[in-house]
N, C-alpha and C. Protein backbone atom coordinates (compact mmCIF):
# COMPACT_ATOMS: atom_id res chain seq x y z
N MET A 1 146.47 68.59 156.64
CA MET A 1 147.88 68.71 156.27
C MET A 1 147.95 69.06 154.79
N GLU A 2 148.69 70.10 154.46
CA GLU A 2 148.92 70.46 153.06
C GLU A 2 150.41 70.57 152.86
N VAL A 3 150.93 69.78 151.92
CA VAL A 3 152.36 69.73 151.66
C VAL A 3 152.61 69.74 150.16
N SER A 4 153.87 69.91 149.77
CA SER A 4 154.23 69.83 148.36
C SER A 4 155.04 68.56 148.13
N GLY A 5 155.07 68.12 146.90
CA GLY A 5 155.82 66.90 146.58
C GLY A 5 155.46 66.42 145.20
N LYS A 6 155.62 65.10 144.99
CA LYS A 6 155.26 64.54 143.69
C LYS A 6 154.86 63.08 143.84
N VAL A 7 154.14 62.60 142.84
CA VAL A 7 153.74 61.19 142.80
C VAL A 7 154.94 60.38 142.35
N VAL A 8 155.25 59.31 143.10
CA VAL A 8 156.41 58.48 142.78
C VAL A 8 155.97 57.20 142.07
N SER A 9 154.93 56.55 142.60
CA SER A 9 154.51 55.29 141.97
C SER A 9 153.05 54.98 142.29
N LEU A 10 152.52 54.05 141.51
CA LEU A 10 151.17 53.55 141.70
C LEU A 10 151.25 52.03 141.61
N SER A 11 150.71 51.39 142.62
CA SER A 11 150.68 49.92 142.61
C SER A 11 149.31 49.46 143.07
N LYS A 12 149.10 48.14 143.04
CA LYS A 12 147.80 47.63 143.46
C LYS A 12 148.00 46.58 144.52
N ASP A 13 147.22 46.68 145.59
CA ASP A 13 147.23 45.67 146.63
C ASP A 13 146.30 44.55 146.14
N TRP A 14 146.87 43.39 145.80
CA TRP A 14 146.07 42.32 145.20
C TRP A 14 145.15 41.65 146.21
N VAL A 15 145.41 41.84 147.49
CA VAL A 15 144.52 41.27 148.52
C VAL A 15 143.25 42.11 148.63
N THR A 16 143.41 43.43 148.76
CA THR A 16 142.24 44.31 148.93
C THR A 16 141.67 44.79 147.59
N GLY A 17 142.49 44.74 146.55
CA GLY A 17 142.06 45.23 145.25
C GLY A 17 142.13 46.74 145.12
N LYS A 18 142.73 47.39 146.09
CA LYS A 18 142.80 48.85 146.09
C LYS A 18 144.16 49.32 145.58
N PHE A 19 144.16 50.52 144.98
CA PHE A 19 145.41 51.10 144.52
C PHE A 19 146.17 51.74 145.67
N LEU A 20 147.50 51.68 145.59
CA LEU A 20 148.39 52.31 146.56
C LEU A 20 149.17 53.40 145.82
N LEU A 21 148.99 54.62 146.26
CA LEU A 21 149.66 55.75 145.63
C LEU A 21 150.81 56.17 146.54
N THR A 22 152.03 56.18 146.02
CA THR A 22 153.19 56.58 146.81
C THR A 22 153.57 58.00 146.43
N LEU A 23 153.73 58.83 147.47
CA LEU A 23 154.07 60.23 147.27
C LEU A 23 155.42 60.54 147.90
N GLU A 24 156.17 61.41 147.25
CA GLU A 24 157.40 61.94 147.84
C GLU A 24 157.07 63.34 148.32
N VAL A 25 157.27 63.58 149.62
CA VAL A 25 156.87 64.84 150.24
C VAL A 25 158.09 65.68 150.60
N ASN A 26 158.02 66.97 150.31
CA ASN A 26 159.15 67.87 150.59
C ASN A 26 159.22 68.29 152.06
N GLU A 27 158.08 68.47 152.69
CA GLU A 27 158.04 68.97 154.07
C GLU A 27 158.08 67.79 155.06
N GLU A 28 159.28 67.28 155.30
CA GLU A 28 159.45 66.10 156.16
C GLU A 28 158.92 66.32 157.57
N ALA A 29 159.21 67.47 158.14
CA ALA A 29 158.81 67.75 159.53
C ALA A 29 157.29 67.71 159.69
N VAL A 30 156.58 68.22 158.70
CA VAL A 30 155.11 68.22 158.76
C VAL A 30 154.59 66.80 158.77
N VAL A 31 155.13 65.97 157.87
CA VAL A 31 154.68 64.58 157.77
C VAL A 31 155.01 63.82 159.05
N GLU A 32 156.23 63.99 159.55
CA GLU A 32 156.65 63.28 160.78
C GLU A 32 155.77 63.66 161.96
N SER A 33 155.42 64.94 162.07
CA SER A 33 154.64 65.38 163.22
C SER A 33 153.18 64.94 163.16
N GLN A 34 152.66 64.69 161.96
CA GLN A 34 151.24 64.37 161.83
C GLN A 34 150.95 62.93 161.42
N PHE A 35 151.99 62.17 161.09
CA PHE A 35 151.79 60.81 160.57
C PHE A 35 151.03 59.91 161.54
N ASP A 36 151.44 59.88 162.81
CA ASP A 36 150.78 59.00 163.78
C ASP A 36 149.30 59.30 163.91
N GLN A 37 148.94 60.57 163.92
CA GLN A 37 147.53 60.95 164.02
C GLN A 37 146.76 60.51 162.78
N LEU A 38 147.37 60.73 161.62
CA LEU A 38 146.68 60.41 160.37
C LEU A 38 146.48 58.92 160.17
N LYS A 39 147.47 58.10 160.54
CA LYS A 39 147.35 56.65 160.29
C LYS A 39 146.29 56.00 161.16
N GLU A 40 145.90 56.68 162.26
CA GLU A 40 144.86 56.15 163.14
C GLU A 40 143.45 56.37 162.58
N LEU A 41 143.33 57.26 161.62
CA LEU A 41 142.00 57.59 161.07
C LEU A 41 141.57 56.54 160.05
N ASP A 42 140.30 56.16 160.11
CA ASP A 42 139.78 55.15 159.18
C ASP A 42 139.56 55.69 157.78
N LYS A 43 139.25 56.98 157.71
CA LYS A 43 138.94 57.56 156.41
C LYS A 43 139.52 58.97 156.34
N LEU A 44 140.17 59.30 155.24
CA LEU A 44 140.75 60.62 155.01
C LEU A 44 140.16 61.22 153.74
N LYS A 45 140.12 62.53 153.71
CA LYS A 45 139.80 63.23 152.48
C LYS A 45 141.14 63.56 151.84
N ILE A 46 141.38 63.06 150.65
CA ILE A 46 142.68 63.23 150.00
C ILE A 46 142.48 64.02 148.70
N LYS A 47 143.29 65.05 148.55
CA LYS A 47 143.25 65.84 147.32
C LYS A 47 144.68 66.01 146.83
N VAL A 48 144.92 65.62 145.60
CA VAL A 48 146.23 65.80 144.99
C VAL A 48 146.01 66.71 143.79
N ALA A 49 146.74 67.82 143.74
CA ALA A 49 146.55 68.79 142.67
C ALA A 49 147.89 69.38 142.26
N LYS A 50 147.91 70.00 141.09
CA LYS A 50 149.11 70.66 140.62
C LYS A 50 149.48 71.77 141.59
N TRP A 51 150.77 71.88 141.94
CA TRP A 51 151.23 72.89 142.88
C TRP A 51 151.22 74.26 142.20
N THR A 52 150.66 75.24 142.90
CA THR A 52 150.74 76.61 142.44
C THR A 52 151.18 77.45 143.62
N ASN A 53 152.05 78.40 143.37
CA ASN A 53 152.48 79.30 144.44
C ASN A 53 151.31 80.18 144.84
N LYS A 54 151.14 80.37 146.15
CA LYS A 54 150.06 81.22 146.63
C LYS A 54 150.34 82.65 146.20
N ARG A 55 149.28 83.29 145.73
CA ARG A 55 149.41 84.69 145.33
C ARG A 55 149.73 85.53 146.55
N SER A 56 150.67 86.40 146.41
CA SER A 56 151.00 87.23 147.56
C SER A 56 149.89 88.24 147.80
N LEU A 57 149.65 88.51 149.05
CA LEU A 57 148.63 89.47 149.42
C LEU A 57 149.11 90.88 149.14
N ASP A 58 148.20 91.75 148.74
CA ASP A 58 148.60 93.14 148.70
C ASP A 58 148.38 93.70 150.10
N ALA A 59 148.86 94.88 150.35
CA ALA A 59 148.86 95.45 151.70
C ALA A 59 147.45 95.59 152.26
N ASN A 60 146.51 96.09 151.47
CA ASN A 60 145.15 96.28 151.97
C ASN A 60 144.49 94.93 152.26
N ALA A 61 144.72 93.94 151.39
CA ALA A 61 144.16 92.61 151.63
C ALA A 61 144.75 92.00 152.91
N TYR A 62 146.05 92.20 153.13
CA TYR A 62 146.69 91.67 154.34
C TYR A 62 146.11 92.34 155.59
N PHE A 63 145.88 93.64 155.50
CA PHE A 63 145.25 94.35 156.61
C PHE A 63 143.92 93.69 156.97
N HIS A 64 143.11 93.36 155.97
CA HIS A 64 141.81 92.74 156.22
C HIS A 64 141.93 91.31 156.76
N VAL A 65 142.96 90.59 156.33
CA VAL A 65 143.22 89.25 156.89
C VAL A 65 143.51 89.37 158.38
N LEU A 66 144.38 90.31 158.74
CA LEU A 66 144.72 90.52 160.15
C LEU A 66 143.49 90.94 160.96
N ILE A 67 142.64 91.77 160.38
CA ILE A 67 141.43 92.22 161.07
C ILE A 67 140.59 91.00 161.47
N GLY A 68 140.40 90.06 160.54
CA GLY A 68 139.62 88.86 160.85
C GLY A 68 140.23 88.05 161.98
N LYS A 69 141.55 87.90 161.94
CA LYS A 69 142.24 87.12 162.98
C LYS A 69 142.18 87.81 164.34
N ILE A 70 142.37 89.12 164.34
CA ILE A 70 142.32 89.88 165.61
C ILE A 70 140.92 89.83 166.20
N ALA A 71 139.91 90.03 165.37
CA ALA A 71 138.52 90.01 165.86
C ALA A 71 138.20 88.68 166.54
N ASP A 72 138.66 87.59 165.94
CA ASP A 72 138.40 86.25 166.50
C ASP A 72 139.21 85.96 167.75
N ALA A 73 140.39 86.58 167.87
CA ALA A 73 141.30 86.27 168.98
C ALA A 73 141.08 87.15 170.21
N MET A 74 140.24 88.16 170.10
CA MET A 74 140.01 89.05 171.25
C MET A 74 139.45 88.24 172.42
N PRO A 75 139.80 88.61 173.66
CA PRO A 75 139.27 87.90 174.83
C PRO A 75 137.74 87.78 174.78
N THR A 76 137.08 88.86 174.39
CA THR A 76 135.65 88.81 174.08
C THR A 76 135.57 89.11 172.59
N PRO A 77 135.30 88.07 171.75
CA PRO A 77 135.30 88.29 170.30
C PRO A 77 134.38 89.44 169.88
N ILE A 78 134.86 90.17 168.87
CA ILE A 78 134.10 91.30 168.33
C ILE A 78 133.92 91.08 166.83
N SER A 79 133.06 91.86 166.22
CA SER A 79 132.84 91.73 164.78
C SER A 79 134.05 92.26 164.02
N LYS A 80 134.18 91.84 162.78
CA LYS A 80 135.26 92.32 161.93
C LYS A 80 135.12 93.83 161.68
N ALA A 81 133.87 94.30 161.53
CA ALA A 81 133.64 95.72 161.31
C ALA A 81 134.12 96.53 162.52
N HIS A 82 133.80 96.07 163.71
CA HIS A 82 134.23 96.76 164.94
C HIS A 82 135.75 96.77 165.02
N CYS A 83 136.37 95.64 164.74
CA CYS A 83 137.83 95.52 164.79
C CYS A 83 138.49 96.45 163.77
N LYS A 84 137.93 96.49 162.57
CA LYS A 84 138.48 97.36 161.52
C LYS A 84 138.39 98.82 161.96
N ASN A 85 137.26 99.22 162.54
CA ASN A 85 137.11 100.59 163.03
C ASN A 85 138.13 100.90 164.12
N MET A 86 138.37 99.93 165.02
CA MET A 86 139.37 100.13 166.07
C MET A 86 140.75 100.39 165.49
N MET A 87 141.17 99.55 164.53
CA MET A 87 142.52 99.67 163.96
C MET A 87 142.66 100.96 163.15
N ILE A 88 141.63 101.28 162.37
CA ILE A 88 141.71 102.50 161.55
C ILE A 88 141.74 103.75 162.42
N THR A 89 140.97 103.76 163.53
CA THR A 89 140.99 104.95 164.39
C THR A 89 142.24 105.01 165.27
N ARG A 90 142.95 103.90 165.40
CA ARG A 90 144.21 103.93 166.15
C ARG A 90 145.41 104.26 165.25
N TYR A 91 145.42 103.70 164.04
CA TYR A 91 146.61 103.81 163.19
C TYR A 91 146.33 104.44 161.82
N GLY A 92 145.07 104.80 161.57
CA GLY A 92 144.70 105.31 160.26
C GLY A 92 144.76 106.83 160.15
N GLN A 93 144.19 107.31 159.07
CA GLN A 93 144.28 108.73 158.72
C GLN A 93 142.91 109.40 158.82
N PRO A 94 142.84 110.55 159.51
CA PRO A 94 141.56 111.25 159.62
C PRO A 94 141.13 111.85 158.29
N GLU A 95 139.84 111.93 158.11
CA GLU A 95 139.27 112.63 156.95
C GLU A 95 139.41 114.12 157.25
N MET A 96 139.92 114.88 156.29
CA MET A 96 140.17 116.30 156.53
C MET A 96 139.24 117.16 155.66
N ILE A 97 138.77 118.26 156.26
CA ILE A 97 137.98 119.26 155.53
C ILE A 97 138.58 120.62 155.85
N ASP A 98 139.03 121.30 154.82
CA ASP A 98 139.67 122.62 155.00
C ASP A 98 140.80 122.56 156.03
N GLY A 99 141.58 121.51 155.98
CA GLY A 99 142.74 121.37 156.86
C GLY A 99 142.42 120.96 158.28
N GLN A 100 141.16 120.66 158.57
CA GLN A 100 140.76 120.25 159.91
C GLN A 100 140.14 118.86 159.86
N PRO A 101 140.35 118.04 160.93
CA PRO A 101 139.70 116.72 160.96
C PRO A 101 138.18 116.87 160.90
N MET A 102 137.55 116.00 160.11
CA MET A 102 136.10 116.03 159.96
C MET A 102 135.45 115.50 161.24
N ILE A 103 134.47 116.24 161.76
CA ILE A 103 133.71 115.81 162.93
C ILE A 103 132.26 115.62 162.49
N TYR A 104 131.70 114.48 162.86
CA TYR A 104 130.34 114.12 162.47
C TYR A 104 129.46 114.10 163.72
N LYS A 105 128.38 114.89 163.69
CA LYS A 105 127.46 114.98 164.83
C LYS A 105 126.21 114.15 164.51
N THR A 106 125.83 113.29 165.45
CA THR A 106 124.67 112.41 165.23
C THR A 106 124.10 111.96 166.57
N ASN A 107 122.91 111.40 166.52
CA ASN A 107 122.33 110.80 167.73
C ASN A 107 122.63 109.30 167.79
N ALA A 108 123.39 108.80 166.81
CA ALA A 108 123.73 107.36 166.78
C ALA A 108 124.70 107.03 167.90
N PRO A 109 124.38 106.03 168.73
CA PRO A 109 125.26 105.68 169.85
C PRO A 109 126.56 105.01 169.38
N VAL A 110 127.54 105.01 170.26
CA VAL A 110 128.86 104.45 169.96
C VAL A 110 128.76 103.02 169.47
N GLU A 111 127.96 102.19 170.14
CA GLU A 111 127.83 100.76 169.77
C GLU A 111 127.38 100.61 168.32
N TYR A 112 126.51 101.50 167.86
CA TYR A 112 126.04 101.45 166.48
C TYR A 112 127.16 101.86 165.51
N MET A 113 127.84 102.94 165.83
CA MET A 113 128.89 103.46 164.95
C MET A 113 130.06 102.50 164.82
N GLN A 114 130.37 101.76 165.89
CA GLN A 114 131.49 100.81 165.86
C GLN A 114 131.26 99.69 164.85
N GLU A 115 130.00 99.41 164.53
CA GLU A 115 129.67 98.28 163.65
C GLU A 115 129.51 98.68 162.18
N LEU A 116 129.66 99.95 161.88
CA LEU A 116 129.50 100.39 160.49
C LEU A 116 130.68 99.94 159.63
N GLU A 117 130.38 99.45 158.45
CA GLU A 117 131.41 99.00 157.50
C GLU A 117 131.99 100.17 156.69
N THR A 118 131.15 101.16 156.42
CA THR A 118 131.53 102.20 155.45
C THR A 118 131.97 103.51 156.07
N LEU A 119 131.79 103.67 157.36
CA LEU A 119 132.18 104.91 158.02
C LEU A 119 133.02 104.55 159.25
N HIS A 120 134.24 105.07 159.30
CA HIS A 120 135.17 104.74 160.39
C HIS A 120 135.28 105.95 161.31
N THR A 121 134.83 105.77 162.55
CA THR A 121 134.77 106.91 163.47
C THR A 121 135.19 106.52 164.88
N ILE A 122 135.53 107.55 165.66
CA ILE A 122 135.75 107.39 167.09
C ILE A 122 135.06 108.56 167.79
N CYS A 123 134.37 108.25 168.86
CA CYS A 123 133.63 109.28 169.59
C CYS A 123 134.61 110.18 170.34
N VAL A 124 134.48 111.49 170.12
CA VAL A 124 135.36 112.44 170.80
C VAL A 124 134.61 113.28 171.83
N LYS A 125 133.26 113.24 171.76
CA LYS A 125 132.48 114.02 172.72
C LYS A 125 131.03 113.56 172.69
N ALA A 126 130.40 113.56 173.85
CA ALA A 126 128.96 113.30 173.95
C ALA A 126 128.37 114.43 174.78
N SER A 127 127.20 114.89 174.38
CA SER A 127 126.54 115.95 175.15
C SER A 127 125.03 115.81 175.01
N GLU A 128 124.33 116.71 175.67
CA GLU A 128 122.88 116.69 175.61
C GLU A 128 122.40 117.98 174.96
N GLU A 129 121.48 117.83 174.00
CA GLU A 129 120.89 118.99 173.33
C GLU A 129 119.38 118.80 173.31
N ASN A 130 118.65 119.75 173.84
CA ASN A 130 117.19 119.67 173.89
C ASN A 130 116.70 118.38 174.53
N GLY A 131 117.39 117.96 175.58
CA GLY A 131 117.00 116.76 176.32
C GLY A 131 117.38 115.45 175.64
N LYS A 132 118.13 115.51 174.55
CA LYS A 132 118.53 114.29 173.84
C LYS A 132 120.05 114.20 173.77
N GLU A 133 120.55 112.98 173.85
CA GLU A 133 121.99 112.76 173.80
C GLU A 133 122.47 112.84 172.35
N VAL A 134 123.56 113.57 172.14
CA VAL A 134 124.18 113.65 170.82
C VAL A 134 125.67 113.31 170.96
N PHE A 135 126.22 112.77 169.87
CA PHE A 135 127.61 112.32 169.87
C PHE A 135 128.37 113.02 168.74
N PHE A 136 129.62 113.29 169.03
CA PHE A 136 130.50 113.90 168.02
C PHE A 136 131.60 112.89 167.72
N TYR A 137 131.75 112.54 166.45
CA TYR A 137 132.71 111.52 166.03
C TYR A 137 133.75 112.10 165.10
N LYS A 138 135.00 111.74 165.34
CA LYS A 138 136.07 112.07 164.40
C LYS A 138 136.03 111.00 163.32
N VAL A 139 136.04 111.42 162.06
CA VAL A 139 135.89 110.51 160.92
C VAL A 139 137.26 110.20 160.32
N TYR A 140 137.46 108.92 159.98
CA TYR A 140 138.72 108.46 159.39
C TYR A 140 138.48 107.93 157.98
N ARG A 141 139.49 108.07 157.13
CA ARG A 141 139.42 107.57 155.76
C ARG A 141 139.53 106.04 155.74
N GLY A 142 138.92 105.44 154.74
CA GLY A 142 139.04 103.99 154.54
C GLY A 142 140.44 103.64 154.05
N SER A 143 140.91 102.46 154.41
CA SER A 143 142.29 102.05 154.08
C SER A 143 142.56 101.97 152.58
N HIS A 144 141.54 101.76 151.77
CA HIS A 144 141.74 101.68 150.31
C HIS A 144 142.26 102.98 149.72
N SER A 145 142.12 104.10 150.48
CA SER A 145 142.54 105.40 149.96
C SER A 145 143.95 105.80 150.40
N TYR A 146 144.65 104.93 151.12
CA TYR A 146 145.94 105.30 151.71
C TYR A 146 147.09 105.24 150.71
N ASP A 147 148.04 106.14 150.90
CA ASP A 147 149.28 106.04 150.13
C ASP A 147 150.20 105.07 150.87
N SER A 148 151.38 104.83 150.31
CA SER A 148 152.26 103.79 150.87
C SER A 148 152.71 104.11 152.30
N LYS A 149 152.98 105.38 152.58
CA LYS A 149 153.41 105.75 153.94
C LYS A 149 152.27 105.54 154.94
N GLU A 150 151.07 105.98 154.57
CA GLU A 150 149.90 105.82 155.45
C GLU A 150 149.58 104.33 155.66
N MET A 151 149.67 103.56 154.59
CA MET A 151 149.38 102.13 154.69
C MET A 151 150.42 101.43 155.56
N SER A 152 151.66 101.85 155.44
CA SER A 152 152.74 101.27 156.25
C SER A 152 152.47 101.46 157.74
N VAL A 153 152.03 102.67 158.12
CA VAL A 153 151.72 102.96 159.53
C VAL A 153 150.55 102.08 159.99
N LEU A 154 149.53 101.96 159.15
CA LEU A 154 148.36 101.14 159.49
C LEU A 154 148.73 99.67 159.64
N ILE A 155 149.52 99.15 158.70
CA ILE A 155 149.94 97.74 158.76
C ILE A 155 150.82 97.50 159.98
N ASP A 156 151.80 98.37 160.22
CA ASP A 156 152.70 98.20 161.37
C ASP A 156 151.93 98.14 162.69
N GLY A 157 151.01 99.07 162.87
CA GLY A 157 150.22 99.08 164.11
C GLY A 157 149.35 97.85 164.25
N THR A 158 148.73 97.44 163.15
CA THR A 158 147.84 96.26 163.17
C THR A 158 148.65 95.00 163.42
N VAL A 159 149.83 94.90 162.83
CA VAL A 159 150.71 93.74 163.06
C VAL A 159 151.09 93.65 164.54
N GLU A 160 151.43 94.78 165.16
CA GLU A 160 151.78 94.77 166.58
C GLU A 160 150.61 94.33 167.44
N GLU A 161 149.41 94.76 167.10
CA GLU A 161 148.21 94.34 167.84
C GLU A 161 148.01 92.83 167.69
N ALA A 162 148.23 92.33 166.47
CA ALA A 162 148.08 90.89 166.22
C ALA A 162 149.10 90.09 167.03
N LYS A 163 150.35 90.54 167.01
CA LYS A 163 151.40 89.84 167.77
C LYS A 163 151.09 89.81 169.26
N ALA A 164 150.54 90.91 169.79
CA ALA A 164 150.20 90.97 171.21
C ALA A 164 149.15 89.94 171.59
N LEU A 165 148.35 89.51 170.60
CA LEU A 165 147.33 88.49 170.84
C LEU A 165 147.82 87.09 170.49
N GLY A 166 149.12 86.98 170.15
CA GLY A 166 149.69 85.68 169.83
C GLY A 166 149.38 85.21 168.41
N ILE A 167 149.01 86.13 167.53
CA ILE A 167 148.68 85.79 166.14
C ILE A 167 149.95 85.81 165.31
N GLU A 168 150.15 84.76 164.52
CA GLU A 168 151.32 84.71 163.64
C GLU A 168 151.15 85.70 162.51
N THR A 169 152.18 86.49 162.26
CA THR A 169 152.14 87.49 161.19
C THR A 169 153.23 87.19 160.17
N LEU A 170 153.18 87.88 159.05
CA LEU A 170 154.21 87.68 158.03
C LEU A 170 155.57 88.06 158.59
N PRO A 171 156.63 87.37 158.16
CA PRO A 171 157.97 87.77 158.59
C PRO A 171 158.30 89.18 158.08
N PRO A 172 159.19 89.89 158.80
CA PRO A 172 159.51 91.28 158.43
C PRO A 172 159.91 91.45 156.97
N GLU A 173 160.69 90.50 156.43
CA GLU A 173 161.13 90.66 155.03
C GLU A 173 159.95 90.54 154.05
N GLU A 174 158.95 89.71 154.40
CA GLU A 174 157.77 89.58 153.54
C GLU A 174 156.90 90.84 153.64
N LEU A 175 156.79 91.41 154.84
CA LEU A 175 156.07 92.67 155.00
C LEU A 175 156.74 93.78 154.19
N GLU A 176 158.06 93.80 154.25
CA GLU A 176 158.82 94.82 153.50
C GLU A 176 158.61 94.64 152.00
N ARG A 177 158.62 93.40 151.52
CA ARG A 177 158.39 93.12 150.10
C ARG A 177 156.99 93.57 149.69
N MET A 178 156.01 93.29 150.56
CA MET A 178 154.63 93.66 150.27
C MET A 178 154.49 95.18 150.18
N MET A 179 155.13 95.91 151.09
CA MET A 179 155.04 97.36 151.07
C MET A 179 155.80 97.96 149.87
N GLU A 180 156.89 97.32 149.47
CA GLU A 180 157.63 97.76 148.28
C GLU A 180 156.74 97.62 147.05
N HIS A 181 156.02 96.50 146.97
CA HIS A 181 155.09 96.26 145.87
C HIS A 181 153.99 97.33 145.88
N PHE A 182 153.51 97.68 147.07
CA PHE A 182 152.48 98.71 147.22
C PHE A 182 153.00 100.05 146.68
N LYS A 183 154.26 100.39 147.03
CA LYS A 183 154.85 101.66 146.56
C LYS A 183 154.97 101.68 145.04
N LYS A 184 155.39 100.55 144.45
CA LYS A 184 155.54 100.49 142.99
C LYS A 184 154.19 100.64 142.30
N LYS A 185 153.17 99.98 142.87
CA LYS A 185 151.83 100.06 142.32
C LYS A 185 151.31 101.50 142.41
N GLU A 186 151.59 102.15 143.53
CA GLU A 186 151.19 103.54 143.76
C GLU A 186 151.88 104.46 142.74
N ALA A 187 153.19 104.26 142.54
CA ALA A 187 153.96 105.08 141.60
C ALA A 187 153.44 104.89 140.18
N LYS A 188 153.14 103.65 139.83
CA LYS A 188 152.62 103.35 138.49
C LYS A 188 151.27 104.02 138.28
N SER A 189 150.44 104.01 139.31
CA SER A 189 149.11 104.62 139.25
C SER A 189 149.24 106.14 139.09
N GLU A 190 150.16 106.75 139.84
CA GLU A 190 150.38 108.20 139.74
C GLU A 190 150.90 108.58 138.36
N LYS A 191 151.80 107.76 137.81
CA LYS A 191 152.36 108.02 136.49
C LYS A 191 151.26 107.95 135.43
N HIS A 192 150.36 106.99 135.60
CA HIS A 192 149.25 106.82 134.65
C HIS A 192 148.31 108.03 134.70
N ILE A 193 148.07 108.58 135.91
CA ILE A 193 147.18 109.72 136.07
C ILE A 193 147.81 110.99 135.49
N THR A 194 149.10 111.21 135.80
CA THR A 194 149.76 112.43 135.34
C THR A 194 150.29 112.33 133.91
N GLY A 195 150.59 111.10 133.48
CA GLY A 195 151.26 110.88 132.22
C GLY A 195 150.41 111.05 131.03
């Protein structure tokens, strides 16, 4: 249980010789729902620290948080790398060369390519050449290179996939705030480059 509040008083139980710390807690519902369970435990790990607001996630970091949750929630769990490749090839942006999507030809099987961290691909064709199987993969850009519109499409699709698996996602207004921050950061970066 993690809640916010403040220390109200400190007293001493003269029978046991132990200190009693009284806390005022802001999240009443959390305390009420967990109090009975907690009081039954013989020993608790207690940490009291100065409250700090959690740093808001940027869009790319949030995408990676969702990837971890989706990978773990799949009916048959998959690696985070595999999950990231799935989301990027569903909602991401293809790598382009001379106005055409980049196609990568290799003998590496699909199972191998799905686990790569640095190359995001989807198999578009398999064939045989000189008695050996070869695969053709459409290559996608990494999410760190996306502009605000591209990132918005990636986040929206990934959020929908997460919701379909029963994963709690940020409320719409928080997602909108995060994407607004992404746009401002992008604009500032462009101004710095051109300015």
